[in-house]
Amino acid sequence: MFKLYVGNLPFEITEDELVNLFGQYGTVESCNIITDRNTGQCKGFAFIEMSSKKEGEAAIEGLNETDLNGRTIKVNLPREKEHRNNRGPRTGGGGGGGGGHNNRRW
């Protein structure tokens, strides 16, 4: 399978519409529209898996920078996920006064 990133999507787009659009270039194996957890609204991007590299490349060539419901969509290869292990711990921060627990007044 060949995975594609699709960006700048209209917020009202449906999976059926994307499958039909990309289906012009080959077999769509999966369609995953990224939505907001709270509202369920499309965040403006999706991931499409085509059945072959040839079909995926045809979709990029045919759809990148084209108009979809008034928006110019971007179709390309997805970026590799960033590894978040190198960011260090996510703590609440010390906020002034040296920040360490030794400065607390009980």
C-alpha atoms as a PDB file:
ATOM      1  CA  MET A   1       0.000   0.000   0.000  1.00  0.00           C
ATOM      2  CA  PHE A   2       1.015   3.580  -0.619  1.00  0.00           C
ATOM      3  CA  LYS A   3       0.073   6.223   1.965  1.00  0.00           C
ATOM      4  CA  LEU A   4      -0.729   9.829   1.033  1.00  0.00           C
ATOM      5  CA  TYR A   5      -1.249  13.006   3.037  1.00  0.00           C
ATOM      6  CA  VAL A   6      -4.093  15.253   1.891  1.00  0.00           C
ATOM      7  CA  GLY A   7      -4.136  18.768   3.328  1.00  0.00           C
ATOM      8  CA  ASN A   8      -6.186  21.965   3.175  1.00  0.00           C
ATOM      9  CA  LEU A   9      -9.420  19.998   2.915  1.00  0.00           C
ATOM     10  CA  PRO A  10     -12.821  21.638   3.255  1.00  0.00           C
ATOM     11  CA  PHE A  11     -14.092  21.086   6.804  1.00  0.00           C
ATOM     12  CA  GLU A  12     -17.344  19.516   5.560  1.00  0.00           C
ATOM     13  CA  ILE A  13     -15.611  16.816   3.460  1.00  0.00           C
ATOM     14  CA  THR A  14     -16.749  13.203   3.903  1.00  0.00           C
ATOM     15  CA  GLU A  15     -14.872   9.924   3.539  1.00  0.00           C
ATOM     16  CA  ASP A  16     -17.148   8.940   0.663  1.00  0.00           C
ATOM     17  CA  GLU A  17     -16.226  12.112  -1.233  1.00  0.00           C
ATOM     18  CA  LEU A  18     -12.511  11.488  -0.760  1.00  0.00           C
ATOM     19  CA  VAL A  19     -12.767   7.818  -1.712  1.00  0.00           C
ATOM     20  CA  ASN A  20     -14.639   8.794  -4.892  1.00  0.00           C
ATOM     21  CA  LEU A  21     -12.106  11.512  -5.718  1.00  0.00           C
ATOM     22  CA  PHE A  22      -9.026   9.333  -5.194  1.00  0.00           C
ATOM     23  CA  GLY A  23     -10.759   6.307  -6.716  1.00  0.00           C
ATOM     24  CA  GLN A  24     -10.319   7.983 -10.102  1.00  0.00           C
ATOM     25  CA  TYR A  25      -6.617   7.109  -9.793  1.00  0.00           C
ATOM     26  CA  GLY A  26      -6.862   3.558  -8.453  1.00  0.00           C
ATOM     27  CA  THR A  27      -8.057   1.483  -5.533  1.00  0.00           C
ATOM     28  CA  VAL A  28      -8.432   3.326  -2.239  1.00  0.00           C
ATOM     29  CA  GLU A  29      -7.556   0.874   0.534  1.00  0.00           C
ATOM     30  CA  SER A  30      -8.357   3.248   3.389  1.00  0.00           C
ATOM     31  CA  CYS A  31      -9.382   6.823   4.098  1.00  0.00           C
ATOM     32  CA  ASN A  32      -8.809   8.460   7.470  1.00  0.00           C
ATOM     33  CA  ILE A  33     -10.072  12.019   7.910  1.00  0.00           C
ATOM     34  CA  ILE A  34      -8.514  13.571  11.005  1.00  0.00           C
ATOM     35  CA  THR A  35     -11.168  15.120  13.222  1.00  0.00           C
ATOM     36  CA  ASP A  36     -11.263  17.208  16.373  1.00  0.00           C
ATOM     37  CA  ARG A  37     -11.873  15.027  19.440  1.00  0.00           C
ATOM     38  CA  ASN A  38     -14.398  17.390  20.973  1.00  0.00           C
ATOM     39  CA  THR A  39     -16.399  18.587  17.980  1.00  0.00           C
ATOM     40  CA  GLY A  40     -15.897  15.758  15.484  1.00  0.00           C
ATOM     41  CA  GLN A  41     -15.224  18.373  12.788  1.00  0.00           C
ATOM     42  CA  CYS A  42     -12.581  17.716  10.145  1.00  0.00           C
ATOM     43  CA  LYS A  43      -9.257  19.369  11.010  1.00  0.00           C
ATOM     44  CA  GLY A  44      -8.577  19.944   7.316  1.00  0.00           C
ATOM     45  CA  PHE A  45      -6.392  16.943   6.550  1.00  0.00           C
ATOM     46  CA  ALA A  46      -6.586  13.221   5.938  1.00  0.00           C
ATOM     47  CA  PHE A  47      -4.537  10.165   5.094  1.00  0.00           C
ATOM     48  CA  ILE A  48      -5.375   8.001   2.095  1.00  0.00           C
ATOM     49  CA  GLU A  49      -3.882   4.599   1.330  1.00  0.00           C
ATOM     50  CA  MET A  50      -3.815   3.582  -2.309  1.00  0.00           C
ATOM     51  CA  SER A  51      -3.227  -0.033  -3.315  1.00  0.00           C
ATOM     52  CA  SER A  52       0.031   0.667  -5.187  1.00  0.00           C
ATOM     53  CA  LYS A  53       2.817   3.199  -5.521  1.00  0.00           C
ATOM     54  CA  LYS A  54       1.861   3.766  -9.160  1.00  0.00           C
ATOM     55  CA  GLU A  55      -1.718   4.674  -8.192  1.00  0.00           C
ATOM     56  CA  GLY A  56      -0.528   6.895  -5.345  1.00  0.00           C
ATOM     57  CA  GLU A  57       1.856   8.774  -7.594  1.00  0.00           C
ATOM     58  CA  ALA A  58      -0.934   9.212 -10.168  1.00  0.00           C
ATOM     59  CA  ALA A  59      -3.177  10.672  -7.444  1.00  0.00           C
ATOM     60  CA  ILE A  60      -0.446  13.099  -6.368  1.00  0.00           C
ATOM     61  CA  GLU A  61       0.128  14.157  -9.977  1.00  0.00           C
ATOM     62  CA  GLY A  62      -3.580  14.522 -10.705  1.00  0.00           C
ATOM     63  CA  LEU A  63      -4.863  16.092  -7.482  1.00  0.00           C
ATOM     64  CA  ASN A  64      -2.103  18.144  -5.849  1.00  0.00           C
ATOM     65  CA  GLU A  65      -2.825  21.883  -6.030  1.00  0.00           C
ATOM     66  CA  THR A  66      -6.349  21.329  -7.407  1.00  0.00           C
ATOM     67  CA  ASP A  67      -9.581  22.923  -6.221  1.00  0.00           C
ATOM     68  CA  LEU A  68     -11.925  20.948  -3.979  1.00  0.00           C
ATOM     69  CA  ASN A  69     -15.042  22.850  -2.900  1.00  0.00           C
ATOM     70  CA  GLY A  70     -13.213  26.181  -3.067  1.00  0.00           C
ATOM     71  CA  ARG A  71      -9.970  25.072  -1.397  1.00  0.00           C
ATOM     72  CA  THR A  72      -6.656  24.244  -3.058  1.00  0.00           C
ATOM     73  CA  ILE A  73      -5.749  20.836  -1.680  1.00  0.00           C
ATOM     74  CA  LYS A  74      -2.252  19.500  -1.093  1.00  0.00           C
ATOM     75  CA  VAL A  75      -1.566  15.858  -1.904  1.00  0.00           C
ATOM     76  CA  ASN A  76       1.861  14.426  -1.116  1.00  0.00           C
ATOM     77  CA  LEU A  77       3.764  11.841   0.883  1.00  0.00           C
ATOM     78  CA  PRO A  78       3.250  12.040   4.648  1.00  0.00           C
ATOM     79  CA  ARG A  79       6.115  13.209   6.836  1.00  0.00           C
ATOM     80  CA  GLU A  80       7.710  10.702   9.159  1.00  0.00           C
ATOM     81  CA  LYS A  81       6.395  10.834  12.717  1.00  0.00           C
ATOM     82  CA  GLU A  82       8.667  12.733  15.064  1.00  0.00           C
ATOM     83  CA  HIS A  83       9.993  10.799  17.995  1.00  0.00           C
ATOM     84  CA  ARG A  84       8.940  12.608  21.139  1.00  0.00           C
ATOM     85  CA  ASN A  85      11.302  10.773  23.486  1.00  0.00           C
ATOM     86  CA  ASN A  86      14.008  13.410  23.127  1.00  0.00           C
ATOM     87  CA  ARG A  87      11.901  16.271  24.473  1.00  0.00           C
ATOM     88  CA  GLY A  88      12.369  15.403  28.106  1.00  0.00           C
ATOM     89  CA  PRO A  89       9.691  15.191  30.753  1.00  0.00           C
ATOM     90  CA  ARG A  90       6.567  17.309  30.480  1.00  0.00           C
ATOM     91  CA  THR A  91       6.116  18.748  33.936  1.00  0.00           C
ATOM     92  CA  GLY A  92       4.248  21.741  35.238  1.00  0.00           C
ATOM     93  CA  GLY A  93       7.400  23.819  35.446  1.00  0.00           C
ATOM     94  CA  GLY A  94       8.844  25.637  38.432  1.00  0.00           C
ATOM     95  CA  GLY A  95       7.703  29.165  37.663  1.00  0.00           C
ATOM     96  CA  GLY A  96      10.177  31.523  39.341  1.00  0.00           C
ATOM     97  CA  GLY A  97      12.134  31.370  42.558  1.00  0.00           C
ATOM     98  CA  GLY A  98      14.540  28.735  41.299  1.00  0.00           C
ATOM     99  CA  GLY A  99      11.750  26.263  40.588  1.00  0.00           C
ATOM    100  CA  GLY A 100      12.999  23.334  42.632  1.00  0.00           C
ATOM    101  CA  HIS A 101      11.049  21.565  45.358  1.00  0.00           C
ATOM    102  CA  ASN A 102      13.644  22.691  47.904  1.00  0.00           C
ATOM    103  CA  ASN A 103      12.240  26.222  47.726  1.00  0.00           C
ATOM    104  CA  ARG A 104       8.767  25.291  48.941  1.00  0.00           C
ATOM    105  CA  ARG A 105       7.575  26.741  52.178  1.00  0.00           C
ATOM    106  CA  TRP A 106       5.481  24.404  54.259  1.00  0.00           C
END
